[in-house]
């Protein structure tokens, strides 16, 4: 079972991670010459790295 400390931590992570993704996705713009699949991979890796490093 998850204790109260784990539950509070889960709530904090659940509220902070989407905000990290939101603020990271806004300024990222890649050139149109880059394929959508490759561009999306780069756009996803930056917020993931920041969220992982933060927690």
C-alpha atoms as a PDB file:
ATOM      1  CA  UNK A   1       0.000   0.000   0.000  1.00  0.00           C
ATOM      2  CA  UNK A   2       1.065   3.559  -0.638  1.00  0.00           C
ATOM      3  CA  UNK A   3       1.542   5.551   2.524  1.00  0.00           C
ATOM      4  CA  UNK A   4       0.579   9.164   2.972  1.00  0.00           C
ATOM      5  CA  UNK A   5       4.084  10.394   2.148  1.00  0.00           C
ATOM      6  CA  UNK A   6       4.059   8.522  -1.138  1.00  0.00           C
ATOM      7  CA  UNK A   7       0.597   9.809  -1.963  1.00  0.00           C
ATOM      8  CA  UNK A   8       1.572  13.433  -1.315  1.00  0.00           C
ATOM      9  CA  UNK A   9       4.679  12.974  -3.446  1.00  0.00           C
ATOM     10  CA  UNK A  10       2.589  11.471  -6.258  1.00  0.00           C
ATOM     11  CA  UNK A  11       0.194  14.446  -6.169  1.00  0.00           C
ATOM     12  CA  UNK A  12       3.063  16.932  -6.285  1.00  0.00           C
ATOM     13  CA  UNK A  13       4.681  15.167  -9.232  1.00  0.00           C
ATOM     14  CA  UNK A  14       1.306  14.931 -11.002  1.00  0.00           C
ATOM     15  CA  UNK A  15       0.811  18.700 -10.698  1.00  0.00           C
ATOM     16  CA  UNK A  16       4.360  19.813 -11.513  1.00  0.00           C
ATOM     17  CA  UNK A  17       5.307  17.588 -14.493  1.00  0.00           C
ATOM     18  CA  UNK A  18       2.524  18.827 -16.832  1.00  0.00           C
ATOM     19  CA  UNK A  19       3.571  22.410 -16.077  1.00  0.00           C
ATOM     20  CA  UNK A  20       7.176  21.582 -16.968  1.00  0.00           C
ATOM     21  CA  UNK A  21       5.975  20.116 -20.269  1.00  0.00           C
ATOM     22  CA  UNK A  22       3.755  23.148 -20.944  1.00  0.00           C
ATOM     23  CA  UNK A  23       6.538  25.674 -20.404  1.00  0.00           C
ATOM     24  CA  UNK A  24       9.022  23.628 -22.436  1.00  0.00           C
ATOM     25  CA  UNK A  25       6.751  23.088 -25.442  1.00  0.00           C
ATOM     26  CA  UNK A  26       5.864  26.760 -25.900  1.00  0.00           C
ATOM     27  CA  UNK A  27       9.283  28.143 -26.965  1.00  0.00           C
ATOM     28  CA  UNK A  28      10.529  25.127 -28.971  1.00  0.00           C
ATOM     29  CA  UNK A  29      10.261  25.723 -32.710  1.00  0.00           C
ATOM     30  CA  UNK A  30      12.142  23.633 -35.232  1.00  0.00           C
ATOM     31  CA  UNK A  31      12.601  24.349 -38.956  1.00  0.00           C
ATOM     32  CA  UNK A  32       9.989  23.021 -41.384  1.00  0.00           C
ATOM     33  CA  UNK A  33      12.643  20.968 -43.207  1.00  0.00           C
ATOM     34  CA  UNK A  34      12.770  18.532 -40.285  1.00  0.00           C
ATOM     35  CA  UNK A  35      10.344  15.596 -40.454  1.00  0.00           C
ATOM     36  CA  UNK A  36       7.423  15.723 -37.984  1.00  0.00           C
ATOM     37  CA  UNK A  37       8.443  12.408 -36.360  1.00  0.00           C
ATOM     38  CA  UNK A  38      12.002  13.573 -35.713  1.00  0.00           C
ATOM     39  CA  UNK A  39      10.848  17.003 -34.534  1.00  0.00           C
ATOM     40  CA  UNK A  40       8.391  15.437 -32.076  1.00  0.00           C
ATOM     41  CA  UNK A  41      11.114  13.178 -30.680  1.00  0.00           C
ATOM     42  CA  UNK A  42      13.305  16.193 -29.956  1.00  0.00           C
ATOM     43  CA  UNK A  43      10.393  18.159 -28.524  1.00  0.00           C
ATOM     44  CA  UNK A  44       9.562  15.296 -26.161  1.00  0.00           C
ATOM     45  CA  UNK A  45      13.100  14.588 -25.011  1.00  0.00           C
ATOM     46  CA  UNK A  46      13.836  18.065 -23.622  1.00  0.00           C
ATOM     47  CA  UNK A  47      10.888  18.259 -21.163  1.00  0.00           C
ATOM     48  CA  UNK A  48      11.408  14.614 -20.194  1.00  0.00           C
ATOM     49  CA  UNK A  49      15.039  15.311 -19.326  1.00  0.00           C
ATOM     50  CA  UNK A  50      14.115  18.407 -17.314  1.00  0.00           C
ATOM     51  CA  UNK A  51      11.347  16.624 -15.384  1.00  0.00           C
ATOM     52  CA  UNK A  52      13.584  13.629 -14.676  1.00  0.00           C
ATOM     53  CA  UNK A  53      16.430  15.860 -13.502  1.00  0.00           C
ATOM     54  CA  UNK A  54      14.092  17.946 -11.342  1.00  0.00           C
ATOM     55  CA  UNK A  55      12.683  14.939  -9.498  1.00  0.00           C
END
